N, C-alpha and C. Protein backbone atom coordinates (compact mmCIF):
# COMPACT_ATOMS: atom_id res chain seq x y z
N MET A 1 0.85 -1.18 0.00
CA MET A 1 0.00 0.00 0.00
C MET A 1 0.89 1.24 0.00
N PRO A 2 0.65 2.21 -0.90
CA PRO A 2 1.50 3.40 -0.95
C PRO A 2 1.29 4.27 0.29
N THR A 3 2.33 4.99 0.66
CA THR A 3 2.22 5.88 1.81
C THR A 3 1.39 7.09 1.44
N ARG A 4 0.86 7.76 2.44
CA ARG A 4 0.01 8.93 2.21
C ARG A 4 0.81 10.11 1.69
N SER A 5 2.11 10.13 1.96
CA SER A 5 2.90 11.29 1.54
C SER A 5 3.31 11.22 0.07
N SER A 6 3.06 10.08 -0.58
CA SER A 6 3.41 9.98 -2.00
C SER A 6 2.15 10.14 -2.85
N LEU A 7 2.34 10.78 -3.96
CA LEU A 7 1.25 10.97 -4.89
C LEU A 7 1.77 10.61 -6.26
N THR A 8 1.22 9.57 -6.85
CA THR A 8 1.69 9.14 -8.16
C THR A 8 0.55 9.21 -9.16
N LEU A 9 0.87 9.70 -10.33
CA LEU A 9 -0.09 9.78 -11.40
C LEU A 9 0.54 9.15 -12.63
N PRO A 10 0.05 8.01 -13.09
CA PRO A 10 0.65 7.35 -14.25
C PRO A 10 0.24 8.05 -15.55
N THR A 11 1.07 8.96 -15.99
CA THR A 11 0.79 9.67 -17.24
C THR A 11 2.09 10.17 -17.85
N THR A 12 2.07 10.30 -19.14
CA THR A 12 3.23 10.87 -19.82
C THR A 12 2.91 12.27 -20.33
N SER A 13 1.66 12.68 -20.22
CA SER A 13 1.28 14.02 -20.67
C SER A 13 1.37 15.00 -19.50
N SER A 14 1.28 16.26 -19.83
CA SER A 14 1.34 17.27 -18.78
C SER A 14 0.04 17.26 -17.97
N LEU A 15 0.15 17.69 -16.72
CA LEU A 15 -1.02 17.70 -15.84
C LEU A 15 -1.82 18.97 -16.06
N LEU A 16 -3.10 18.86 -15.94
CA LEU A 16 -3.97 20.03 -16.09
C LEU A 16 -3.87 20.90 -14.84
N SER A 17 -4.00 22.20 -15.03
CA SER A 17 -3.94 23.11 -13.89
C SER A 17 -5.16 22.97 -12.99
N THR A 18 -6.21 22.31 -13.48
CA THR A 18 -7.41 22.12 -12.69
C THR A 18 -7.36 20.84 -11.84
N HIS A 19 -6.32 20.02 -12.05
CA HIS A 19 -6.17 18.80 -11.24
C HIS A 19 -6.04 19.19 -9.78
N LYS A 20 -6.79 18.51 -8.90
CA LYS A 20 -6.81 18.87 -7.49
C LYS A 20 -6.00 17.90 -6.64
N LEU A 21 -5.25 18.48 -5.72
CA LEU A 21 -4.59 17.69 -4.68
C LEU A 21 -5.50 17.72 -3.46
N PRO A 22 -5.68 16.61 -2.78
CA PRO A 22 -6.58 16.60 -1.62
C PRO A 22 -6.11 17.55 -0.53
N SER A 23 -7.06 18.21 0.10
CA SER A 23 -6.71 19.18 1.14
C SER A 23 -6.09 18.51 2.35
N SER A 24 -6.26 17.19 2.49
CA SER A 24 -5.67 16.47 3.62
C SER A 24 -4.23 16.04 3.35
N HIS A 25 -3.74 16.26 2.14
CA HIS A 25 -2.37 15.84 1.79
C HIS A 25 -1.36 16.71 2.54
N PRO A 26 -0.36 16.12 3.18
CA PRO A 26 0.60 16.88 3.98
C PRO A 26 1.37 17.95 3.19
N SER A 27 1.65 17.70 1.92
CA SER A 27 2.41 18.69 1.15
C SER A 27 1.58 19.95 0.88
N VAL A 28 0.26 19.80 0.79
CA VAL A 28 -0.61 20.97 0.60
C VAL A 28 -0.56 21.84 1.86
N THR A 29 -0.69 21.20 3.01
CA THR A 29 -0.63 21.94 4.27
C THR A 29 0.72 22.61 4.45
N LYS A 30 1.78 21.88 4.16
CA LYS A 30 3.13 22.42 4.31
C LYS A 30 3.35 23.63 3.39
N THR A 31 2.86 23.54 2.17
CA THR A 31 3.00 24.65 1.22
C THR A 31 2.29 25.90 1.72
N LEU A 32 1.10 25.72 2.26
CA LEU A 32 0.35 26.88 2.77
C LEU A 32 0.97 27.45 4.04
N LEU A 33 1.49 26.59 4.90
CA LEU A 33 2.06 27.07 6.16
C LEU A 33 3.37 27.84 5.97
N ARG A 34 3.97 27.78 4.79
CA ARG A 34 5.18 28.56 4.52
C ARG A 34 4.87 30.05 4.43
N LEU A 35 3.62 30.39 4.11
CA LEU A 35 3.25 31.79 3.92
C LEU A 35 2.84 32.45 5.23
N SER A 36 2.98 33.77 5.26
CA SER A 36 2.52 34.53 6.41
C SER A 36 1.00 34.71 6.34
N ARG A 37 0.42 35.11 7.43
CA ARG A 37 -1.04 35.32 7.46
C ARG A 37 -1.50 36.34 6.42
N PRO A 38 -0.85 37.53 6.32
CA PRO A 38 -1.30 38.47 5.29
C PRO A 38 -1.18 37.91 3.87
N SER A 39 -0.14 37.13 3.61
CA SER A 39 0.02 36.53 2.28
C SER A 39 -1.06 35.49 2.00
N LEU A 40 -1.42 34.71 3.01
CA LEU A 40 -2.49 33.72 2.85
C LEU A 40 -3.82 34.40 2.54
N LEU A 41 -4.10 35.48 3.26
CA LEU A 41 -5.36 36.19 3.03
C LEU A 41 -5.38 36.84 1.65
N LYS A 42 -4.26 37.40 1.25
CA LYS A 42 -4.15 38.00 -0.08
C LYS A 42 -4.37 36.94 -1.16
N LEU A 43 -3.78 35.78 -0.97
CA LEU A 43 -3.91 34.68 -1.91
C LEU A 43 -5.35 34.17 -1.99
N ALA A 44 -6.00 34.02 -0.85
CA ALA A 44 -7.39 33.55 -0.83
C ALA A 44 -8.30 34.54 -1.55
N ARG A 45 -8.07 35.84 -1.33
CA ARG A 45 -8.87 36.85 -2.04
C ARG A 45 -8.60 36.80 -3.54
N GLU A 46 -7.37 36.50 -3.93
CA GLU A 46 -7.03 36.37 -5.36
C GLU A 46 -7.76 35.16 -5.97
N TRP A 47 -7.82 34.06 -5.23
CA TRP A 47 -8.51 32.87 -5.72
C TRP A 47 -10.01 33.12 -5.90
N LEU A 48 -10.55 34.06 -5.14
CA LEU A 48 -11.98 34.34 -5.19
C LEU A 48 -12.37 35.30 -6.32
N LYS A 49 -11.40 35.86 -7.01
CA LYS A 49 -11.71 36.78 -8.11
C LYS A 49 -12.35 36.01 -9.26
N PRO A 50 -13.25 36.67 -10.00
CA PRO A 50 -13.99 35.98 -11.07
C PRO A 50 -13.11 35.33 -12.14
N HIS A 51 -11.99 35.94 -12.49
CA HIS A 51 -11.16 35.37 -13.55
C HIS A 51 -10.41 34.11 -13.10
N ASN A 52 -10.39 33.82 -11.81
CA ASN A 52 -9.73 32.62 -11.30
C ASN A 52 -10.70 31.47 -10.99
N GLN A 53 -11.97 31.67 -11.24
CA GLN A 53 -12.96 30.67 -10.85
C GLN A 53 -12.88 29.37 -11.63
N SER A 54 -12.29 29.39 -12.81
CA SER A 54 -12.19 28.14 -13.58
C SER A 54 -11.23 27.14 -12.94
N THR A 55 -10.24 27.63 -12.19
CA THR A 55 -9.26 26.72 -11.58
C THR A 55 -9.22 26.81 -10.05
N CYS A 56 -9.82 27.82 -9.47
CA CYS A 56 -9.72 28.03 -8.01
C CYS A 56 -11.08 28.09 -7.33
N ARG A 57 -12.04 27.40 -7.85
CA ARG A 57 -13.40 27.49 -7.33
C ARG A 57 -13.51 26.92 -5.92
N PRO A 58 -14.09 27.69 -4.98
CA PRO A 58 -14.30 27.18 -3.62
C PRO A 58 -15.58 26.35 -3.54
N VAL A 59 -15.79 25.74 -2.38
CA VAL A 59 -17.01 24.98 -2.13
C VAL A 59 -18.11 25.97 -1.75
N LEU A 60 -19.16 26.00 -2.54
CA LEU A 60 -20.32 26.83 -2.25
C LEU A 60 -21.52 25.91 -2.14
N GLY A 61 -22.47 26.27 -1.31
CA GLY A 61 -23.64 25.41 -1.22
C GLY A 61 -24.59 25.82 -0.14
N GLU A 62 -25.60 25.00 0.03
CA GLU A 62 -26.59 25.22 1.06
C GLU A 62 -26.07 24.75 2.40
N ARG A 63 -26.33 25.49 3.43
CA ARG A 63 -25.81 25.17 4.76
C ARG A 63 -26.45 23.92 5.37
N GLU A 64 -27.71 23.65 5.03
CA GLU A 64 -28.39 22.50 5.62
C GLU A 64 -27.81 21.18 5.11
N ASN A 65 -27.29 21.17 3.89
CA ASN A 65 -26.80 19.93 3.28
C ASN A 65 -25.45 19.49 3.84
N GLU A 66 -24.69 20.39 4.40
CA GLU A 66 -23.33 20.08 4.85
C GLU A 66 -23.33 19.78 6.34
N THR A 67 -22.87 18.61 6.69
CA THR A 67 -22.77 18.25 8.11
C THR A 67 -21.38 17.73 8.37
N GLY A 68 -20.95 17.84 9.62
CA GLY A 68 -19.66 17.29 10.00
C GLY A 68 -18.49 18.20 9.74
N SER A 69 -18.71 19.42 9.32
CA SER A 69 -17.62 20.35 9.06
C SER A 69 -17.74 21.53 10.01
N PHE A 70 -16.60 21.99 10.49
CA PHE A 70 -16.59 23.15 11.39
C PHE A 70 -16.98 24.42 10.64
N TYR A 71 -16.61 24.48 9.36
CA TYR A 71 -16.91 25.66 8.54
C TYR A 71 -18.05 25.33 7.58
N ASP A 72 -19.12 26.11 7.68
CA ASP A 72 -20.24 25.94 6.76
C ASP A 72 -19.88 26.54 5.42
N PRO A 73 -20.32 25.92 4.31
CA PRO A 73 -20.03 26.52 3.01
C PRO A 73 -20.80 27.82 2.83
N ALA A 74 -20.18 28.75 2.14
CA ALA A 74 -20.81 30.05 1.90
C ALA A 74 -21.82 29.91 0.76
N TYR A 75 -22.75 30.87 0.71
CA TYR A 75 -23.74 30.89 -0.35
C TYR A 75 -23.16 31.44 -1.65
N SER A 76 -22.24 32.40 -1.54
CA SER A 76 -21.75 33.08 -2.74
C SER A 76 -20.29 33.49 -2.57
N LEU A 77 -19.69 33.88 -3.68
CA LEU A 77 -18.31 34.38 -3.65
C LEU A 77 -18.22 35.67 -2.86
N GLU A 78 -19.25 36.51 -2.96
CA GLU A 78 -19.25 37.78 -2.23
C GLU A 78 -19.22 37.54 -0.72
N GLU A 79 -19.94 36.54 -0.26
CA GLU A 79 -19.94 36.20 1.17
C GLU A 79 -18.55 35.74 1.61
N LEU A 80 -17.89 34.95 0.77
CA LEU A 80 -16.53 34.50 1.09
C LEU A 80 -15.54 35.66 1.08
N GLN A 81 -15.69 36.56 0.12
CA GLN A 81 -14.81 37.73 0.08
C GLN A 81 -14.97 38.56 1.34
N GLU A 82 -16.19 38.69 1.82
CA GLU A 82 -16.45 39.43 3.06
C GLU A 82 -15.84 38.70 4.26
N THR A 83 -15.92 37.37 4.26
CA THR A 83 -15.33 36.57 5.34
C THR A 83 -13.83 36.79 5.42
N TYR A 84 -13.16 36.76 4.26
CA TYR A 84 -11.71 36.95 4.26
C TYR A 84 -11.32 38.40 4.56
N SER A 85 -12.17 39.35 4.22
CA SER A 85 -11.91 40.75 4.60
C SER A 85 -12.00 40.92 6.12
N GLU A 86 -12.97 40.24 6.73
CA GLU A 86 -13.10 40.28 8.19
C GLU A 86 -11.89 39.61 8.86
N LEU A 87 -11.44 38.50 8.31
CA LEU A 87 -10.25 37.84 8.86
C LEU A 87 -9.03 38.76 8.78
N GLU A 88 -8.97 39.55 7.72
CA GLU A 88 -7.84 40.46 7.55
C GLU A 88 -7.87 41.59 8.58
N LYS A 89 -9.07 42.04 8.95
CA LYS A 89 -9.21 43.16 9.88
C LYS A 89 -8.88 42.78 11.32
N ARG A 90 -9.13 41.54 11.68
CA ARG A 90 -8.86 41.15 13.06
C ARG A 90 -7.57 40.36 13.16
N LYS A 91 -7.04 40.32 14.35
CA LYS A 91 -5.78 39.60 14.57
C LYS A 91 -6.05 38.12 14.75
N GLY A 92 -5.02 37.35 14.49
CA GLY A 92 -5.12 35.91 14.64
C GLY A 92 -3.89 35.25 14.06
N GLY A 93 -3.87 33.95 14.12
CA GLY A 93 -2.72 33.21 13.61
C GLY A 93 -2.95 32.73 12.19
N LYS A 94 -1.85 32.36 11.55
CA LYS A 94 -1.97 31.87 10.17
C LYS A 94 -2.61 30.48 10.14
N ARG A 95 -2.50 29.73 11.22
CA ARG A 95 -3.11 28.40 11.26
C ARG A 95 -4.63 28.50 11.11
N GLU A 96 -5.22 29.55 11.66
CA GLU A 96 -6.65 29.78 11.53
C GLU A 96 -7.05 29.94 10.06
N VAL A 97 -6.23 30.68 9.31
CA VAL A 97 -6.51 30.91 7.89
C VAL A 97 -6.30 29.62 7.10
N VAL A 98 -5.23 28.89 7.40
CA VAL A 98 -4.95 27.63 6.70
C VAL A 98 -6.09 26.64 6.96
N ASP A 99 -6.55 26.55 8.20
CA ASP A 99 -7.66 25.65 8.52
C ASP A 99 -8.93 26.06 7.78
N ARG A 100 -9.17 27.37 7.71
CA ARG A 100 -10.36 27.87 6.99
C ARG A 100 -10.29 27.47 5.52
N ILE A 101 -9.10 27.59 4.93
CA ILE A 101 -8.92 27.24 3.52
C ILE A 101 -9.10 25.74 3.30
N LEU A 102 -8.38 24.92 4.08
CA LEU A 102 -8.35 23.48 3.84
C LEU A 102 -9.57 22.73 4.34
N GLU A 103 -10.14 23.16 5.45
CA GLU A 103 -11.28 22.44 6.02
C GLU A 103 -12.61 23.09 5.70
N GLY A 104 -12.55 24.29 5.16
CA GLY A 104 -13.78 25.00 4.87
C GLY A 104 -13.99 25.27 3.40
N ASP A 105 -13.39 26.32 2.92
CA ASP A 105 -13.74 26.83 1.59
C ASP A 105 -13.17 26.03 0.43
N TRP A 106 -12.05 25.34 0.62
CA TRP A 106 -11.48 24.49 -0.43
C TRP A 106 -11.27 23.08 0.12
N ARG A 107 -12.29 22.56 0.79
CA ARG A 107 -12.18 21.23 1.42
C ARG A 107 -12.08 20.12 0.40
N ASP A 108 -12.46 20.38 -0.84
CA ASP A 108 -12.34 19.37 -1.90
C ASP A 108 -10.91 19.27 -2.42
N GLY A 109 -10.05 20.18 -2.03
CA GLY A 109 -8.66 20.16 -2.45
C GLY A 109 -8.27 21.44 -3.17
N LEU A 110 -6.97 21.60 -3.36
CA LEU A 110 -6.44 22.76 -4.08
C LEU A 110 -5.97 22.30 -5.46
N SER A 111 -6.23 23.13 -6.45
CA SER A 111 -5.80 22.80 -7.80
C SER A 111 -4.29 23.03 -7.93
N LEU A 112 -3.72 22.44 -8.96
CA LEU A 112 -2.29 22.63 -9.19
C LEU A 112 -1.97 24.10 -9.42
N ARG A 113 -2.91 24.83 -10.01
CA ARG A 113 -2.71 26.27 -10.21
C ARG A 113 -2.65 27.00 -8.87
N GLN A 114 -3.49 26.62 -7.94
CA GLN A 114 -3.47 27.24 -6.61
C GLN A 114 -2.14 26.94 -5.90
N ILE A 115 -1.64 25.73 -6.05
CA ILE A 115 -0.35 25.38 -5.44
C ILE A 115 0.76 26.22 -6.08
N ALA A 116 0.70 26.37 -7.40
CA ALA A 116 1.70 27.18 -8.09
C ALA A 116 1.62 28.64 -7.66
N MET A 117 0.42 29.15 -7.46
CA MET A 117 0.25 30.54 -6.99
C MET A 117 0.80 30.69 -5.57
N THR A 118 0.64 29.65 -4.76
CA THR A 118 1.17 29.67 -3.40
C THR A 118 2.70 29.72 -3.43
N ASP A 119 3.30 28.89 -4.26
CA ASP A 119 4.77 28.90 -4.38
C ASP A 119 5.26 30.25 -4.90
N THR A 120 4.57 30.81 -5.87
CA THR A 120 4.95 32.11 -6.42
C THR A 120 4.86 33.19 -5.35
N GLN A 121 3.81 33.15 -4.55
CA GLN A 121 3.66 34.14 -3.47
C GLN A 121 4.80 34.01 -2.47
N TYR A 122 5.23 32.78 -2.19
CA TYR A 122 6.36 32.59 -1.28
C TYR A 122 7.63 33.20 -1.84
N PHE A 123 7.87 33.01 -3.15
CA PHE A 123 9.07 33.59 -3.79
C PHE A 123 8.99 35.11 -3.79
N LEU A 124 7.80 35.67 -3.94
CA LEU A 124 7.66 37.13 -3.89
C LEU A 124 7.89 37.66 -2.48
N ASP A 125 7.45 36.92 -1.48
CA ASP A 125 7.64 37.33 -0.09
C ASP A 125 9.08 37.16 0.37
N HIS A 126 9.78 36.17 -0.16
CA HIS A 126 11.15 35.85 0.24
C HIS A 126 12.04 35.77 -1.00
N PRO A 127 12.42 36.91 -1.56
CA PRO A 127 13.19 36.88 -2.81
C PRO A 127 14.58 36.25 -2.67
N THR A 128 15.12 36.19 -1.48
CA THR A 128 16.45 35.60 -1.30
C THR A 128 16.38 34.15 -0.83
N SER A 129 15.19 33.54 -0.91
CA SER A 129 15.04 32.17 -0.43
C SER A 129 15.69 31.14 -1.35
N GLN A 130 15.88 31.52 -2.59
CA GLN A 130 16.52 30.62 -3.55
C GLN A 130 17.79 31.27 -4.06
N ARG A 131 18.74 30.46 -4.40
CA ARG A 131 19.98 30.96 -4.96
C ARG A 131 19.88 30.91 -6.47
N TRP A 132 20.01 32.05 -7.10
CA TRP A 132 19.87 32.14 -8.54
C TRP A 132 21.24 32.46 -9.14
N VAL A 133 21.57 31.80 -10.22
CA VAL A 133 22.86 32.01 -10.89
C VAL A 133 22.58 32.37 -12.34
N ALA A 134 23.18 33.47 -12.80
CA ALA A 134 23.03 33.87 -14.19
C ALA A 134 24.29 33.45 -14.95
N LEU A 135 24.09 32.79 -16.04
CA LEU A 135 25.19 32.33 -16.87
C LEU A 135 25.01 32.86 -18.28
N LYS A 136 26.12 33.01 -18.98
CA LYS A 136 26.08 33.45 -20.37
C LYS A 136 26.33 32.23 -21.24
N LEU A 137 25.45 32.01 -22.20
CA LEU A 137 25.62 30.90 -23.11
C LEU A 137 26.46 31.34 -24.29
N VAL A 138 27.44 30.54 -24.63
CA VAL A 138 28.29 30.82 -25.78
C VAL A 138 28.30 29.59 -26.68
N LYS A 139 28.57 29.83 -27.94
CA LYS A 139 28.63 28.75 -28.90
C LYS A 139 29.88 27.91 -28.65
N ALA A 140 29.72 26.61 -28.64
CA ALA A 140 30.85 25.70 -28.41
C ALA A 140 31.76 25.73 -29.64
N GLN A 141 33.07 25.71 -29.39
CA GLN A 141 34.04 25.74 -30.48
C GLN A 141 34.78 24.41 -30.52
N SER A 142 35.26 24.05 -31.72
CA SER A 142 36.02 22.82 -31.86
C SER A 142 37.43 23.03 -31.34
N GLU A 143 38.19 21.95 -31.20
CA GLU A 143 39.57 22.00 -30.69
C GLU A 143 40.44 22.90 -31.56
N ASP A 144 40.32 22.78 -32.89
CA ASP A 144 41.16 23.57 -33.80
C ASP A 144 40.89 25.06 -33.66
N SER A 145 39.62 25.42 -33.62
CA SER A 145 39.30 26.84 -33.53
C SER A 145 39.69 27.40 -32.16
N GLN A 146 39.60 26.58 -31.10
CA GLN A 146 40.01 27.03 -29.77
C GLN A 146 41.52 27.28 -29.74
N SER A 147 42.31 26.39 -30.32
CA SER A 147 43.76 26.58 -30.31
C SER A 147 44.16 27.78 -31.17
N ARG A 148 43.49 27.98 -32.32
CA ARG A 148 43.77 29.16 -33.14
C ARG A 148 43.44 30.44 -32.41
N GLU A 149 42.31 30.43 -31.68
CA GLU A 149 41.90 31.61 -30.91
C GLU A 149 42.91 31.90 -29.80
N LYS A 150 43.39 30.87 -29.14
CA LYS A 150 44.37 31.03 -28.07
C LYS A 150 45.67 31.62 -28.63
N LYS A 151 46.16 31.11 -29.79
CA LYS A 151 47.37 31.65 -30.41
C LYS A 151 47.19 33.10 -30.81
N ARG A 152 46.01 33.42 -31.35
CA ARG A 152 45.74 34.79 -31.76
C ARG A 152 45.79 35.73 -30.55
N ARG A 153 45.20 35.30 -29.43
CA ARG A 153 45.23 36.12 -28.21
C ARG A 153 46.65 36.28 -27.69
N ASN A 154 47.43 35.21 -27.72
CA ASN A 154 48.82 35.28 -27.25
C ASN A 154 49.65 36.20 -28.14
N ASN A 155 49.44 36.16 -29.43
CA ASN A 155 50.18 37.02 -30.35
C ASN A 155 49.83 38.49 -30.13
N ASN A 156 48.60 38.77 -29.81
CA ASN A 156 48.18 40.16 -29.61
C ASN A 156 48.70 40.72 -28.29
N THR A 157 48.90 39.88 -27.31
CA THR A 157 49.32 40.38 -26.01
C THR A 157 50.83 40.54 -25.90
N GLN A 158 51.60 39.90 -26.78
CA GLN A 158 53.05 40.03 -26.72
C GLN A 158 53.47 41.34 -27.38
N THR A 159 54.38 42.03 -26.73
CA THR A 159 54.89 43.27 -27.32
C THR A 159 56.07 42.91 -28.22
N PRO A 160 56.15 43.55 -29.36
CA PRO A 160 57.29 43.23 -30.26
C PRO A 160 58.61 43.66 -29.63
N ALA A 161 59.62 42.85 -29.92
CA ALA A 161 60.97 43.16 -29.42
C ALA A 161 61.53 44.38 -30.15
N GLN A 162 62.06 45.30 -29.40
CA GLN A 162 62.64 46.50 -30.04
C GLN A 162 64.14 46.44 -29.91
N GLU A 163 64.83 46.81 -31.00
CA GLU A 163 66.27 46.85 -30.96
C GLU A 163 66.70 48.25 -30.54
N PRO A 164 67.84 48.32 -29.79
CA PRO A 164 68.30 49.64 -29.37
C PRO A 164 68.77 50.45 -30.58
N PRO A 165 68.64 51.77 -30.52
CA PRO A 165 69.06 52.60 -31.66
C PRO A 165 70.57 52.52 -31.87
N PRO A 166 71.08 52.63 -33.14
CA PRO A 166 72.52 52.53 -33.43
C PRO A 166 73.30 53.72 -33.00
C-alpha cells in the first residue's frame, strides 16, 4: 500500500492546472504554512476573483446539506470575500486561515494552479530564499578553432621586441 505522503499519477502528458490535490495531503498543508497570514489572506482573495474561478473554485452550497464540518459553506463568492476581509481586519494566527482554507472553503482540495500561486507568493515574499545564478551561453568551439583563438590572443598580447638605436 503506498504511503500517504506519496502521490503518483501514471501519465506521460502534462497535468492540467485544474487537477486537485486533496486538502488532507501533507504537502498541501506544508506549502500553505510557509506563507505569512497576510500573504495567505491575499492569496485567498485572489482565488476568489472571477477570472480565477475556472481553476480556483471554492465549495459553495446550502448550509443545511453540509454536516460534520466546522466551517459551513458560503452561499456566494461575495460572502466568502467578506469573510476573508473580516479575517484580515482582526488579529489571529496563520493556522486559523490555513484551517479555513483546507477544512472550509477548499475542502475538496487545491488545484495545481493554486499550489503554483502559493509557491509564487512565497518567492515574492522571500526573494532571497533561492539561490539564482546567471550564466552566459556561448557557442561551443572545436579544438582547432580554440587553439587558433588562443594563439591569436597570445600574439596580440606580446609586445614586439625592439632593438636599441645605433
